[in-house]
Structure formats: structure tokens, C-alpha cells
Protein backbone atom coordinates (compact mmCIF):
# COMPACT_ATOMS: atom_id res chain seq x y z
CA UNK A 1 -19.61 -1.78 8.61
CA UNK A 2 -17.62 -0.36 11.51
CA UNK A 3 -14.54 0.01 9.31
CA UNK A 4 -16.57 1.72 6.58
CA UNK A 5 -18.07 4.17 9.07
CA UNK A 6 -14.68 4.85 10.67
CA UNK A 7 -13.08 5.37 7.27
CA UNK A 8 -15.74 7.89 6.26
CA UNK A 9 -15.20 9.69 9.56
CA UNK A 10 -11.45 9.91 8.94
CA UNK A 11 -12.09 11.33 5.45
CA UNK A 12 -14.29 14.09 6.86
CA UNK A 13 -11.91 14.91 9.74
CA UNK A 14 -8.97 14.94 7.33
CA UNK A 15 -10.85 17.41 5.16
CA UNK A 16 -11.19 19.70 8.17
CA UNK A 17 -7.49 19.50 9.10
CA UNK A 18 -5.01 21.97 7.66
CA UNK A 19 -3.88 25.57 7.49
CA UNK A 20 -7.15 26.75 5.95
CA UNK A 21 -9.82 26.84 8.67
CA UNK A 22 -12.59 24.35 7.89
CA UNK A 23 -14.89 22.80 10.47
CA UNK A 24 -15.92 19.15 10.40
CA UNK A 25 -19.46 20.18 9.43
CA UNK A 26 -18.15 22.34 6.59
CA UNK A 27 -15.91 19.52 5.39
CA UNK A 28 -18.92 17.20 5.28
CA UNK A 29 -20.94 19.79 3.35
CA UNK A 30 -18.21 20.30 0.77
CA UNK A 31 -17.76 16.57 0.14
CA UNK A 32 -21.51 15.99 0.00
CA UNK A 33 -22.00 19.04 -2.21
CA UNK A 34 -19.63 17.70 -4.84
CA UNK A 35 -21.12 14.21 -4.75
CA UNK A 36 -24.79 15.24 -4.66
CA UNK A 37 -26.15 17.81 -7.12
CA UNK A 38 -28.02 20.99 -6.21
CA UNK A 39 -27.07 21.15 -2.54
CA UNK A 40 -28.17 24.63 -1.31
CA UNK A 41 -25.07 25.34 0.81
CA UNK A 42 -22.82 25.16 -2.26
CA UNK A 43 -24.34 28.37 -3.65
CA UNK A 44 -25.57 30.35 -0.64
CA UNK A 45 -22.18 31.87 0.21
CA UNK A 46 -21.71 29.99 3.50
CA UNK A 47 -18.63 28.24 2.09
CA UNK A 48 -15.75 30.16 0.53
CA UNK A 49 -13.96 29.10 -2.65
CA UNK A 50 -10.74 28.77 -0.63
CA UNK A 51 -12.39 26.27 1.72
CA UNK A 52 -13.83 24.35 -1.21
CA UNK A 53 -10.47 24.10 -2.95
CA UNK A 54 -8.64 23.16 0.25
CA UNK A 55 -10.97 20.24 0.93
CA UNK A 56 -11.91 18.98 -2.54
CA UNK A 57 -8.75 19.72 -4.51
CA UNK A 58 -6.00 19.06 -1.96
CA UNK A 59 -7.10 17.24 1.21
CA UNK A 60 -9.60 14.73 -0.17
CA UNK A 61 -7.34 13.35 -2.97
CA UNK A 62 -4.47 12.72 -0.55
CA UNK A 63 -6.76 11.02 1.96
CA UNK A 64 -8.29 8.80 -0.72
CA UNK A 65 -4.85 7.98 -2.12
CA UNK A 66 -3.74 6.99 1.39
CA UNK A 67 -6.82 4.76 1.67
CA UNK A 68 -6.20 3.13 -1.71
CA UNK A 69 -2.51 2.64 -0.92
CA UNK A 70 -3.28 1.14 2.49
CA UNK A 71 -5.90 -1.19 1.04
CA UNK A 72 -3.54 -2.25 -1.75
CA UNK A 73 -0.57 -2.92 0.51
CA UNK A 74 -2.71 -4.85 3.00
CA UNK A 75 -4.23 -6.99 0.23
CA UNK A 76 -0.82 -7.61 -1.34
CA UNK A 77 0.51 -8.61 2.07
CA UNK A 78 -2.30 -11.12 2.61
CA UNK A 79 -1.73 -12.63 -0.83
CA UNK A 80 2.04 -12.79 -0.32
CA UNK A 81 1.59 -14.62 2.96
CA UNK A 82 -0.61 -17.16 1.19
CA UNK A 83 1.77 -17.36 -1.76
CA UNK A 84 4.86 -18.33 0.25
CA UNK A 85 2.96 -19.84 3.22
CA UNK A 86 4.87 -17.56 5.57
CA UNK A 87 3.00 -15.17 7.92
CA UNK A 88 6.06 -12.89 8.05
CA UNK A 89 5.88 -12.18 4.32
CA UNK A 90 4.95 -8.70 3.10
CA UNK A 91 4.55 -7.01 -0.30
CA UNK A 92 8.12 -5.70 -0.34
CA UNK A 93 9.51 -9.23 -0.01
CA UNK A 94 9.69 -9.41 -3.81
CA UNK A 95 12.07 -6.47 -4.02
CA UNK A 96 9.33 -4.45 -5.72
CA UNK A 97 9.76 -1.49 -3.38
CA UNK A 98 13.53 -1.50 -3.90
CA UNK A 99 13.03 -1.58 -7.67
CA UNK A 100 10.60 1.33 -7.46
CA UNK A 101 13.12 3.19 -5.33
CA UNK A 102 15.85 2.80 -7.96
CA UNK A 103 13.52 4.05 -10.69
CA UNK A 104 12.33 7.06 -8.69
CA UNK A 105 15.79 8.01 -7.41
CA UNK A 106 17.19 7.75 -10.93
CA UNK A 107 14.63 10.29 -12.14
CA UNK A 108 15.33 12.61 -9.18
CA UNK A 109 19.09 12.47 -9.61
CA UNK A 110 19.29 12.39 -13.41
CA UNK A 111 16.19 14.43 -14.17
CA UNK A 112 12.95 13.40 -15.83
CA UNK A 113 14.26 14.39 -19.25
CA UNK A 114 17.18 11.98 -19.05
CA UNK A 115 14.98 8.99 -18.26
CA UNK A 116 12.02 10.06 -20.40
CA UNK A 117 9.64 9.15 -17.56
CA UNK A 118 7.82 10.89 -14.75
CA UNK A 119 8.67 10.01 -11.16
CA UNK A 120 5.65 7.70 -10.82
CA UNK A 121 6.28 6.15 -14.24
CA UNK A 122 9.90 5.41 -13.45
CA UNK A 123 8.99 3.97 -10.04
CA UNK A 124 6.39 1.67 -11.62
CA UNK A 125 8.83 0.56 -14.32
CA UNK A 126 11.47 -0.20 -11.70
CA UNK A 127 8.96 -2.15 -9.61
CA UNK A 128 7.88 -4.31 -12.54
CA UNK A 129 11.49 -4.92 -13.61
CA UNK A 130 12.33 -6.11 -10.09
CA UNK A 131 9.27 -8.39 -10.02
CA UNK A 132 10.21 -9.98 -13.36
CA UNK A 133 13.78 -10.53 -12.18
CA UNK A 134 12.61 -12.19 -8.96
CA UNK A 135 10.22 -14.44 -10.89
CA UNK A 136 12.97 -15.57 -13.26
CA UNK A 137 15.38 -16.20 -10.39
CA UNK A 138 12.79 -18.12 -8.36
CA UNK A 139 11.62 -20.29 -11.26
CA UNK A 140 13.39 -23.63 -11.51
CA UNK A 141 12.26 -26.52 -13.63
CA UNK A 142 9.06 -24.69 -14.47
CA UNK A 143 8.14 -24.39 -10.79
CA UNK A 144 8.09 -21.28 -8.60
CA UNK A 145 9.28 -22.52 -5.21
CA UNK A 146 8.30 -20.38 -2.18
CA UNK A 147 11.74 -20.67 -0.58
CA UNK A 148 13.53 -19.60 -3.76
CA UNK A 149 11.05 -16.76 -4.14
CA UNK A 150 11.84 -15.43 -0.67
CA UNK A 151 15.59 -15.76 -1.08
CA UNK A 152 15.54 -14.19 -4.54
CA UNK A 153 13.44 -11.28 -3.31
CA UNK A 154 15.67 -10.61 -0.32
CA UNK A 155 18.88 -10.80 -2.37
CA UNK A 156 17.61 -8.62 -5.20
CA UNK A 157 16.09 -6.14 -2.74
CA UNK A 158 19.43 -5.76 -1.00
CA UNK A 159 21.22 -5.20 -4.30
CA UNK A 160 18.71 -2.59 -5.47
CA UNK A 161 18.80 -0.84 -2.09
CA UNK A 162 22.57 -0.56 -2.47
CA UNK A 163 22.09 1.04 -5.88
CA UNK A 164 19.61 3.51 -4.38
CA UNK A 165 22.04 4.37 -1.58
CA UNK A 166 24.83 4.96 -4.09
CA UNK A 167 22.65 7.28 -6.18
CA UNK A 168 21.61 9.14 -3.04
CA UNK A 169 25.08 9.82 -1.68
CA UNK A 170 26.45 10.87 -5.07
CA UNK A 171 23.67 13.32 -5.97
CA UNK A 172 23.41 17.00 -5.16
CA UNK A 173 22.32 17.97 -1.66
CA UNK A 174 19.00 19.52 -2.75
CA UNK A 175 17.84 16.17 -4.16
CA UNK A 176 18.34 14.23 -0.93
CA UNK A 177 15.16 15.55 0.73
CA UNK A 178 13.01 14.48 -2.24
CA UNK A 179 14.64 11.06 -2.25
CA UNK A 180 14.06 10.52 1.47
CA UNK A 181 10.43 11.60 1.23
CA UNK A 182 9.80 9.07 -1.54
CA UNK A 183 11.66 6.23 0.18
CA UNK A 184 9.83 6.85 3.47
CA UNK A 185 6.45 7.31 1.79
CA UNK A 186 4.21 10.31 1.28
CA UNK A 187 0.87 11.16 -0.33
CA UNK A 188 1.24 14.92 0.15
CA UNK A 189 1.27 15.73 -3.56
CA UNK A 190 -1.73 13.57 -4.45
CA UNK A 191 -4.06 14.66 -7.24
CA UNK A 192 -7.31 13.20 -8.55
CA UNK A 193 -5.58 11.85 -11.66
CA UNK A 194 -3.13 9.83 -9.55
CA UNK A 195 -5.96 7.80 -8.03
CA UNK A 196 -6.95 6.03 -11.24
CA UNK A 197 -4.10 3.54 -11.71
CA UNK A 198 -3.77 2.27 -8.10
CA UNK A 199 -7.57 2.16 -7.71
CA UNK A 200 -7.93 0.09 -10.89
CA UNK A 201 -5.12 -2.25 -9.79
CA UNK A 202 -6.75 -2.66 -6.38
CA UNK A 203 -10.16 -3.43 -7.87
CA UNK A 204 -8.78 -6.01 -10.34
CA UNK A 205 -6.60 -7.83 -7.80
CA UNK A 206 -9.33 -7.81 -5.13
CA UNK A 207 -11.85 -9.29 -7.59
CA UNK A 208 -9.33 -11.98 -8.58
CA UNK A 209 -8.53 -12.79 -4.94
CA UNK A 210 -12.18 -13.06 -3.93
CA UNK A 211 -12.97 -15.29 -6.88
CA UNK A 212 -10.05 -17.55 -5.95
CA UNK A 213 -10.56 -17.38 -2.18
CA UNK A 214 -11.19 -21.13 -1.93
CA UNK A 215 -7.92 -21.79 -3.75
CA UNK A 216 -6.14 -19.46 -1.31
CA UNK A 217 -7.60 -21.43 1.59
CA UNK A 218 -6.46 -24.69 0.00
CA UNK A 219 -2.97 -23.34 -0.59
CA UNK A 220 -2.62 -22.58 3.11
CA UNK A 221 -2.90 -26.24 4.11
CA UNK A 222 -0.14 -27.46 1.80
CA UNK A 223 0.63 -28.06 -1.86
CA UNK A 224 -0.38 -31.72 -1.82
CA UNK A 225 -3.75 -31.02 -0.28
CA UNK A 226 -4.34 -28.08 -2.63
CA UNK A 227 -3.51 -30.29 -5.63
CA UNK A 228 -5.88 -32.97 -4.36
CA UNK A 229 -8.60 -30.30 -4.17
CA UNK A 230 -8.09 -29.44 -7.83
CA UNK A 231 -5.77 -26.42 -7.58
CA UNK A 232 -2.97 -26.09 -10.14
CA UNK A 233 -0.51 -24.94 -7.49
CA UNK A 234 2.33 -23.76 -9.72
CA UNK A 235 0.05 -21.85 -12.08
CA UNK A 236 -1.85 -20.32 -9.18
CA UNK A 237 1.39 -19.21 -7.49
CA UNK A 238 2.50 -17.53 -10.71
CA UNK A 239 -0.83 -15.71 -10.93
CA UNK A 240 -0.54 -14.57 -7.31
CA UNK A 241 3.01 -13.36 -7.93
CA UNK A 242 1.89 -11.28 -10.92
CA UNK A 243 -1.07 -9.87 -8.98
CA UNK A 244 1.08 -8.91 -5.96
CA UNK A 245 3.76 -7.34 -8.15
CA UNK A 246 1.31 -5.26 -10.20
CA UNK A 247 -0.61 -4.07 -7.16
CA UNK A 248 2.48 -3.26 -5.10
CA UNK A 249 4.14 -1.52 -8.04
CA UNK A 250 1.05 0.61 -8.73
CA UNK A 251 0.85 1.66 -5.07
CA UNK A 252 4.56 2.29 -4.49
CA UNK A 253 4.78 4.36 -7.67
CA UNK A 254 2.42 7.00 -6.25
CA UNK A 255 3.01 6.72 -2.50
CA UNK A 256 6.62 5.62 -2.06
CA UNK A 257 7.86 3.01 0.38
CA UNK A 258 5.38 2.57 3.24
CA UNK A 259 6.18 -0.35 5.50
CA UNK A 260 4.34 -2.58 7.99
CA UNK A 261 0.86 -2.15 6.45
CA UNK A 262 1.05 -5.38 4.49
CA UNK A 263 2.60 -7.21 7.43
CA UNK A 264 0.43 -6.16 10.37
CA UNK A 265 -3.05 -5.61 8.91
CA UNK A 266 -3.54 -9.20 7.61
CA UNK A 267 -2.64 -10.51 11.08
CA UNK A 268 -5.19 -8.24 12.73
CA UNK A 269 -7.80 -9.35 10.21
CA UNK A 270 -7.17 -13.02 10.98
CA UNK A 271 -7.55 -12.32 14.68
CA UNK A 272 -10.82 -10.50 14.03
CA UNK A 273 -12.58 -12.81 11.57
CA UNK A 274 -10.44 -15.94 11.18
CA UNK A 275 -8.19 -17.25 8.41
CA UNK A 276 -10.91 -17.92 5.81
CA UNK A 277 -9.98 -15.62 2.93
CA UNK A 278 -13.63 -15.12 1.99
CA UNK A 279 -14.07 -13.11 5.18
CA UNK A 280 -10.49 -12.06 5.85
CA UNK A 281 -9.75 -10.30 2.55
CA UNK A 282 -12.56 -7.69 2.71
CA UNK A 283 -11.65 -6.87 6.31
CA UNK A 284 -7.97 -6.65 5.36
CA UNK A 285 -8.69 -4.20 2.53
CA UNK A 286 -10.91 -1.96 4.67
CA UNK A 287 -8.54 -2.18 7.64
CA UNK A 288 -5.53 -1.24 5.51
CA UNK A 289 -7.38 1.74 4.06
CA UNK A 290 -8.50 2.92 7.49
CA UNK A 291 -5.03 2.48 9.00
CA UNK A 292 -3.15 4.41 6.34
CA UNK A 293 -5.70 7.24 6.20
CA UNK A 294 -5.35 7.64 9.96
CA UNK A 295 -1.55 7.45 9.66
CA UNK A 296 -1.59 10.19 7.02
CA UNK A 297 -3.73 12.37 9.27
CA UNK A 298 -1.23 11.82 12.09
CA UNK A 299 1.70 12.60 9.78
CA UNK A 300 0.14 15.99 9.04
CA UNK A 301 -0.67 16.91 12.64
CA UNK A 302 1.79 15.41 15.16
CA UNK A 303 4.61 17.78 14.17
CA UNK A 304 2.56 20.59 12.59
CA UNK A 305 3.34 22.75 10.71
CA UNK A 306 6.07 20.30 9.64
CA UNK A 307 4.82 17.21 7.81
CA UNK A 308 6.63 13.94 8.41
CA UNK A 309 6.77 11.02 5.95
CA UNK A 310 3.89 8.61 6.42
CA UNK A 311 6.24 5.63 6.53
CA UNK A 312 7.65 6.88 9.83
CA UNK A 313 4.18 6.84 11.37
CA UNK A 314 3.33 3.34 10.11
CA UNK A 315 6.65 1.99 11.40
CA UNK A 316 6.23 3.72 14.77
CA UNK A 317 2.77 2.16 15.18
CA UNK A 318 3.16 -1.10 13.30
CA UNK A 319 6.44 -2.40 14.71
CA UNK A 320 5.50 -2.16 18.42
CA UNK A 321 2.06 -3.60 17.71
CA UNK A 322 3.55 -6.54 15.83
CA UNK A 323 5.98 -7.23 18.67
CA UNK A 324 3.07 -7.02 21.12
CA UNK A 325 1.18 -9.60 19.07
CA UNK A 326 4.08 -12.03 19.30
CA UNK A 327 4.68 -11.41 23.00
CA UNK A 328 1.03 -11.85 23.92
CA UNK A 329 0.93 -15.13 22.03
CA UNK A 330 -1.85 -13.95 19.76
CA UNK A 331 0.34 -14.39 16.73
CA UNK A 332 -0.39 -18.10 16.79
CA UNK A 333 -4.05 -17.34 16.35
CA UNK A 334 -3.15 -15.08 13.43
CA UNK A 335 -1.44 -17.93 11.61
CA UNK A 336 2.13 -17.47 12.85
CA UNK A 337 2.36 -21.12 13.83
CA UNK A 338 3.11 -21.81 10.17
């Protein structure tokens, strides 16, 4: 409940932040006026059309996209950590982000017409291609081994990052800024239509994870124990891999590479409510949404009028906090003893 209330507060404050002057009260009225019919302040002239457009058309979509992206990355991180039984795992371990980067950079450098895809479409295609490649590399004898999955993801991610770097240094100078903004993450150009795909992916994967929360708990204590409890470990790992890849690809395609959300937020959730996925997953999703919405608000304000990529903010906050967790010894309570 606290996370829900805080998230709503960030949405309203974000709506009041920008070059067009809008107070917090006016931001609340505009959001409420669009959600609830026949609100008197929407027609009495107290709110200008410029204020309405600034909040509803530009600021609210980017804030909601940041929330969806944060929730998706945090959920994917929690599932990846269960998948490979490694608390240091994160969504980008599969090389999905690197694959999305190659797809997006290819469109930026070659042009959308050459690839026949939009930037988001190319990024999603690259992410899925990387996920399929990792799955095929990690599969041996019909079994997806966690160690092979990690090694395959790291190796393929490095290769794809090298391809992205080559495309970046060989392109024209005016393309470099767009490439860096995508690779470091941004939701500045968010529109209402962009929310549909990542929101649907988040809803589907969250429903699947909650329905299989007992299997996730069993997987954490070892393959033999999970098998004894009736879990088809290999099949379940394959399902988790597909879910993580689809969710991460859908998020990265519209927000770019945003790090540390899927690594830090699941740890904080375990500290707060324990390792039981029935309680941990909802807190992880809400915490990820709240964190990335706040990070986006900071990215817009700390260096105003210049906007910095959101990935810089998450790294600046997430990395020191993660190191603090390890130094304080609280990481063991978050599952790092594994």
C-alpha cells in the first residue's frame, strides 16, 4: 500500500514538473479529469489547453512507461535469479539488452527504410534473436543448465556489444547522440501507444510467475528437491527463460538499456518481505515501478534544462546501494549466500 501511494504521488509530481508551469494540484486535477467524467474544473477555464497537453499527452505517458519498464525489469531480474539460482543475475544476463542494442543501432545507422523496421521493432527483434541464440547455446542433451546459460549469455552479450561499438564508431557523428541515449536508456519520447506492448508483457509474465510461485520457491532449494516436490525442472526453466526474454525484450525495445533495476530491487524486496515469491514478487514489481519513475523524475530535474539518460541515474543510485548491501552484510539476508 505504501508503494502504491508513493507511486501515485510520483506520477502527480512528475506531471507538475517541466517547462510548462503546472502546480501539483493542477496536475492532480488534469489526471483525475481525464479518468473521471464530468469533472467541473475541466470545463470552467481554470486549466489551459497547454497545461492539459503537457500533463496528459507528454508527462504522464513517459512516467507510466518508466513505471512499466521498472516493474518489468525488476520482475525479470527476480525470475532470472530464480532461474539460475544466482542472486547476482539480472535480466541482461541473457544478452537480450545487447541484442536489442544491435537492432536499434542498426536502424539508427542504416535508416529505418533499410531494415524495414521501426527503432522499437528492430530492438525487440534483436532482443528475441539474442534470447533464442542463448537458449540454443545453453541447451545440451535436452537440458538447460544454469551454468551454461550464464556463460552463453555473457559470451554472446560481449560479442553483440562489440558489434554495437563497431556500428557506433563507423557511423556519422549526428547519429552518435541517438545511439548513446538508447544504450543508456530514456523514456523521453514516450507516447500512449508505446505503453501497450510492455504493459501486456508485464501482465502476462506477472500472472505466470504468481501462478507458479510455489515452483519458484521449490527451485530455490535445489533441482533434486524441486523434482521431489513435483516440479519438471527442465521444462520450468525453459518457460522462465522464455518469460524473461519476452519481458526484457519488450521493455528494452521502448526504454533502451537501463541497468541495476533488475539486480537491486529484488534484493530490497527480499529484505523487506522475505524470499517467498508469493509475497516478494508483488513488492518487487511495485518497487521497480516506483524506483524507475523516481529515477526518470530525477533525470529530468537534476541537470535541468538538460535531460540526462535515465540509465545514468539508476547506475549512480543502484551501484552504491548494492555495494552498501554487501558491506553491511545484509546481502546474506537477501539471498546472496547462494
